[in-house]
Amino acid sequence: MSTKEILENNKEFVDNALDAVSEAEAQRKRMFQFALIGIGVIALLVGGFFFYRYNQEKTEQEAALKLSRIRPFFDAGQMEAALGGVAGTIRGEQVVGLNAIATQYGSSESGRLSALYAGSALASLNRYTEAETMFDKASSASSEITKMGGLAGLASCKAQAGNSAEAAKLYEDAAAIGAKLGDEDRYRLFAAMHYEKAGNKEKAITLYKAIADSQEFSESINEAKAGIIRLGGTLD
């Protein structure tokens, strides 16, 4: 093989080797870039999570503080003031009403609790359509107590509108949560009464019997037994 041929062969080998090295280097750079992008995405997600959580905590604190300032008016039975807020300030801040707190801070637990108070206040003023909206917000709470109250409030609004079957189902849902909180029979009794009113005799008797057979002392037992007798059932 001539020197020229050797050089040409070596040149081809070197060129191929360089091409391979260049491709490997390019691949390494791409992988490095992808890694950087991945790290950047993770950093954004983590940063976003902590920013979201910080905002949630801040929102929760603000809502809880505003609720604590207006709740004395609710407890005193001043429902209009509780709903709309009052003139004047406490520690330099306006006393905001339950409606505003529930609307502005509805994504927080204190905001949903404010909605429960607002629904109760509106219902006491016979403003059931507005109350239903607030109870609906409360029923999406993470807190089981607030959620139970929201469901029971919705049930009362449905009952007021004459929708006994819907009211009964909502009371039954509230009772399911109440089973964990020691407040089951009261809502179960309301559910049975509304199933009875809706003409669902079988469902009503089933719930009445569940209350009557309860091992827990309950003020609802006598009313449940009366319901069973009224519907033609038998007491065991």
Protein backbone atom coordinates (compact mmCIF):
# COMPACT_ATOMS: atom_id res chain seq x y z
CA MET A 1 0.00 0.00 0.00
CA SER A 2 1.45 3.33 -0.99
CA THR A 3 2.11 6.16 1.42
CA LYS A 4 -0.64 8.14 -0.23
CA GLU A 5 -3.12 5.30 0.24
CA ILE A 6 -2.07 4.89 3.89
CA LEU A 7 -2.51 8.61 4.50
CA GLU A 8 -5.85 8.60 2.77
CA ASN A 9 -6.97 5.59 4.83
CA ASN A 10 -5.69 7.19 8.02
CA LYS A 11 -7.42 10.43 7.12
CA GLU A 12 -10.70 8.60 6.58
CA PHE A 13 -10.27 6.78 9.90
CA VAL A 14 -9.44 10.00 11.69
CA ASP A 15 -12.35 11.80 10.06
CA ASN A 16 -14.72 9.02 11.11
CA ALA A 17 -13.31 9.04 14.60
CA LEU A 18 -13.65 12.81 14.81
CA ASP A 19 -17.19 12.59 13.52
CA ALA A 20 -17.96 10.01 16.21
CA VAL A 21 -16.35 12.16 18.88
CA SER A 22 -18.23 15.23 17.63
CA GLU A 23 -21.52 13.31 17.67
CA ALA A 24 -20.81 12.00 21.17
CA GLU A 25 -19.93 15.51 22.33
CA ALA A 26 -23.08 16.88 20.74
CA GLN A 27 -25.12 14.12 22.38
CA ARG A 28 -23.47 14.88 25.74
CA LYS A 29 -24.26 18.56 25.35
CA ARG A 30 -27.87 17.76 24.46
CA MET A 31 -28.20 15.51 27.49
CA PHE A 32 -26.65 18.19 29.66
CA GLN A 33 -29.07 20.75 28.25
CA PHE A 34 -32.01 18.40 28.83
CA ALA A 35 -30.78 17.83 32.39
CA LEU A 36 -30.60 21.57 32.95
CA ILE A 37 -34.08 22.00 31.53
CA GLY A 38 -35.34 19.17 33.76
CA ILE A 39 -33.73 20.73 36.81
CA GLY A 40 -35.24 24.06 35.84
CA VAL A 41 -38.71 22.54 35.50
CA ILE A 42 -38.38 20.80 38.88
CA ALA A 43 -37.14 24.02 40.45
CA LEU A 44 -40.12 25.87 39.01
CA LEU A 45 -42.52 23.22 40.28
CA VAL A 46 -40.98 23.14 43.74
CA GLY A 47 -40.80 26.91 43.84
CA GLY A 48 -44.39 27.12 42.64
CA PHE A 49 -45.52 24.65 45.29
CA PHE A 50 -43.89 26.58 48.12
CA PHE A 51 -45.19 29.87 46.72
CA TYR A 52 -48.69 28.35 46.48
CA ARG A 53 -48.46 26.98 50.01
CA TYR A 54 -47.17 30.32 51.31
CA ASN A 55 -50.07 32.10 49.64
CA GLN A 56 -52.52 29.53 50.98
CA GLU A 57 -51.20 29.95 54.52
CA LYS A 58 -51.31 33.72 54.16
CA THR A 59 -54.87 33.55 52.81
CA GLU A 60 -55.90 31.23 55.64
CA GLN A 61 -54.44 33.55 58.29
CA GLU A 62 -56.10 36.62 56.80
CA ALA A 63 -59.49 34.90 56.54
CA ALA A 64 -59.28 33.54 60.09
CA LEU A 65 -58.42 36.98 61.45
CA LYS A 66 -61.28 38.67 59.59
CA LEU A 67 -63.70 35.97 60.72
CA SER A 68 -62.65 36.40 64.35
CA ARG A 69 -63.49 40.11 64.14
CA ILE A 70 -66.97 39.70 62.70
CA ARG A 71 -68.08 36.56 64.55
CA PRO A 72 -69.07 38.39 67.79
CA PHE A 73 -71.84 40.13 65.79
CA PHE A 74 -73.09 36.73 64.57
CA ASP A 75 -72.97 35.31 68.10
CA ALA A 76 -74.94 38.33 69.33
CA GLY A 77 -77.66 37.68 66.75
CA GLN A 78 -76.86 40.83 64.73
CA MET A 79 -77.18 39.02 61.43
CA GLU A 80 -77.30 41.98 59.07
CA ALA A 81 -74.15 43.41 60.63
CA ALA A 82 -72.50 39.99 60.57
CA LEU A 83 -73.26 39.58 56.88
CA GLY A 84 -72.37 43.05 55.68
CA GLY A 85 -69.70 44.17 58.11
CA VAL A 86 -69.72 47.26 60.28
CA ALA A 87 -68.34 50.76 60.14
CA GLY A 88 -65.17 51.47 62.04
CA THR A 89 -61.94 49.58 62.42
CA ILE A 90 -60.19 47.20 64.80
CA ARG A 91 -56.46 47.79 65.08
CA GLY A 92 -56.63 49.95 62.00
CA GLU A 93 -58.44 47.42 59.80
CA GLN A 94 -62.02 47.46 58.57
CA VAL A 95 -64.43 44.90 60.06
CA VAL A 96 -65.43 42.91 56.98
CA GLY A 97 -68.72 40.97 56.79
CA LEU A 98 -69.19 37.22 56.36
CA ASN A 99 -70.36 37.57 52.75
CA ALA A 100 -67.18 39.37 51.74
CA ILE A 101 -64.92 36.95 53.61
CA ALA A 102 -66.61 33.92 52.04
CA THR A 103 -66.33 35.46 48.58
CA GLN A 104 -62.76 36.75 48.85
CA TYR A 105 -61.28 33.82 50.78
CA GLY A 106 -63.48 31.00 49.53
CA SER A 107 -60.50 28.76 48.76
CA SER A 108 -59.43 28.69 52.41
CA GLU A 109 -60.92 26.68 55.26
CA SER A 110 -61.71 29.85 57.22
CA GLY A 111 -63.35 31.23 54.09
CA ARG A 112 -65.57 28.15 53.86
CA LEU A 113 -66.33 28.37 57.57
CA SER A 114 -67.33 31.99 56.99
CA ALA A 115 -69.66 30.73 54.25
CA LEU A 116 -71.27 28.37 56.78
CA TYR A 117 -71.86 31.26 59.18
CA ALA A 118 -73.13 33.42 56.32
CA GLY A 119 -75.53 30.67 55.21
CA SER A 120 -76.87 30.33 58.75
CA ALA A 121 -77.34 34.09 59.04
CA LEU A 122 -79.09 34.30 55.67
CA ALA A 123 -81.38 31.37 56.51
CA SER A 124 -82.35 33.03 59.79
CA LEU A 125 -83.39 36.04 57.72
CA ASN A 126 -85.43 33.78 55.37
CA ARG A 127 -83.05 34.54 52.49
CA TYR A 128 -82.83 30.88 51.49
CA THR A 129 -81.63 31.28 47.90
CA GLU A 130 -78.60 33.26 49.06
CA ALA A 131 -78.13 30.89 51.97
CA GLU A 132 -78.03 27.89 49.63
CA THR A 133 -75.10 29.42 47.72
CA MET A 134 -73.15 29.89 50.93
CA PHE A 135 -73.97 26.43 52.28
CA ASP A 136 -72.81 24.97 48.97
CA LYS A 137 -69.41 26.65 49.46
CA ALA A 138 -69.20 25.33 53.01
CA SER A 139 -70.00 21.78 51.86
CA SER A 140 -66.72 21.66 49.89
CA ALA A 141 -64.60 22.24 53.00
CA SER A 142 -61.88 19.82 54.07
CA SER A 143 -63.00 20.20 57.68
CA GLU A 144 -65.62 17.52 58.30
CA ILE A 145 -67.49 19.71 60.78
CA THR A 146 -67.79 22.56 58.29
CA LYS A 147 -68.70 20.16 55.48
CA MET A 148 -71.36 18.48 57.62
CA GLY A 149 -72.83 21.87 58.50
CA GLY A 150 -72.83 22.88 54.85
CA LEU A 151 -74.67 19.72 53.80
CA ALA A 152 -77.23 20.12 56.59
CA GLY A 153 -77.70 23.76 55.63
CA LEU A 154 -78.25 22.81 51.99
CA ALA A 155 -80.76 20.20 53.12
CA SER A 156 -82.69 22.79 55.12
CA CYS A 157 -82.84 25.06 52.06
CA LYS A 158 -84.08 22.21 49.85
CA ALA A 159 -86.69 21.34 52.47
CA GLN A 160 -87.81 24.96 52.62
CA ALA A 161 -88.26 24.89 48.84
CA GLY A 162 -90.37 21.73 49.12
CA ASN A 163 -87.74 19.36 47.71
CA SER A 164 -88.09 16.71 50.40
CA ALA A 165 -86.28 13.93 48.51
CA GLU A 166 -83.21 16.12 47.91
CA ALA A 167 -83.31 17.33 51.50
CA ALA A 168 -83.43 13.74 52.77
CA LYS A 169 -80.39 12.71 50.69
CA LEU A 170 -78.37 15.71 51.89
CA TYR A 171 -79.30 15.03 55.52
CA GLU A 172 -78.23 11.43 55.00
CA ASP A 173 -74.87 12.62 53.65
CA ALA A 174 -74.49 14.88 56.69
CA ALA A 175 -75.32 11.92 58.94
CA ALA A 176 -72.56 9.85 57.31
CA ILE A 177 -70.04 12.49 58.36
CA GLY A 178 -71.78 12.87 61.72
CA ALA A 179 -71.14 9.16 62.40
CA LYS A 180 -67.46 10.07 62.82
CA LEU A 181 -68.25 13.06 65.00
CA GLY A 182 -70.92 11.66 67.33
CA ASP A 183 -73.75 13.62 65.70
CA GLU A 184 -75.28 11.00 63.44
CA ASP A 185 -78.78 10.29 64.76
CA ARG A 186 -80.03 13.87 64.61
CA TYR A 187 -79.33 14.19 60.88
CA ARG A 188 -80.44 10.61 60.24
CA LEU A 189 -83.76 11.47 61.89
CA PHE A 190 -84.15 14.54 59.66
CA ALA A 191 -83.35 12.35 56.64
CA ALA A 192 -85.98 9.79 57.68
CA MET A 193 -88.61 12.49 58.21
CA HIS A 194 -88.00 13.93 54.75
CA TYR A 195 -87.97 10.52 53.08
CA GLU A 196 -91.33 9.97 54.79
CA LYS A 197 -92.57 13.32 53.54
CA ALA A 198 -91.33 12.48 50.02
CA GLY A 199 -93.32 9.22 50.12
CA ASN A 200 -90.32 6.90 50.37
CA LYS A 201 -91.78 4.79 53.18
CA GLU A 202 -89.26 1.94 52.94
CA LYS A 203 -86.24 4.23 53.20
CA ALA A 204 -87.81 6.17 56.05
CA ILE A 205 -88.54 3.02 58.09
CA THR A 206 -85.00 1.73 57.50
CA LEU A 207 -83.53 4.93 58.93
CA TYR A 208 -86.03 5.10 61.79
CA LYS A 209 -85.14 1.52 62.76
CA ALA A 210 -81.41 2.25 62.57
CA ILE A 211 -81.93 5.07 65.08
CA ALA A 212 -84.22 3.01 67.31
CA ASP A 213 -81.72 0.14 67.38
CA SER A 214 -78.79 2.42 68.14
CA GLN A 215 -76.76 1.41 71.18
CA GLU A 216 -75.95 5.04 71.86
CA PHE A 217 -78.26 7.14 74.01
CA SER A 218 -80.06 9.44 71.62
CA GLU A 219 -82.83 11.99 72.00
CA SER A 220 -83.97 10.89 68.52
CA ILE A 221 -84.92 7.33 69.56
CA ASN A 222 -88.48 8.13 70.73
CA GLU A 223 -89.20 10.14 67.59
CA ALA A 224 -87.81 7.32 65.47
CA LYS A 225 -90.05 4.77 67.19
CA ALA A 226 -93.03 7.04 66.65
CA GLY A 227 -92.11 7.24 62.96
CA ILE A 228 -91.97 3.45 62.65
CA ILE A 229 -95.43 3.08 64.21
CA ARG A 230 -96.81 5.93 62.11
CA LEU A 231 -95.67 4.20 58.92
CA GLY A 232 -97.06 0.81 59.99
CA GLY A 233 -93.77 -0.79 60.89
CA THR A 234 -93.11 -2.95 63.92
CA LEU A 235 -90.83 -2.37 66.88
CA ASP A 236 -88.49 -5.27 67.62
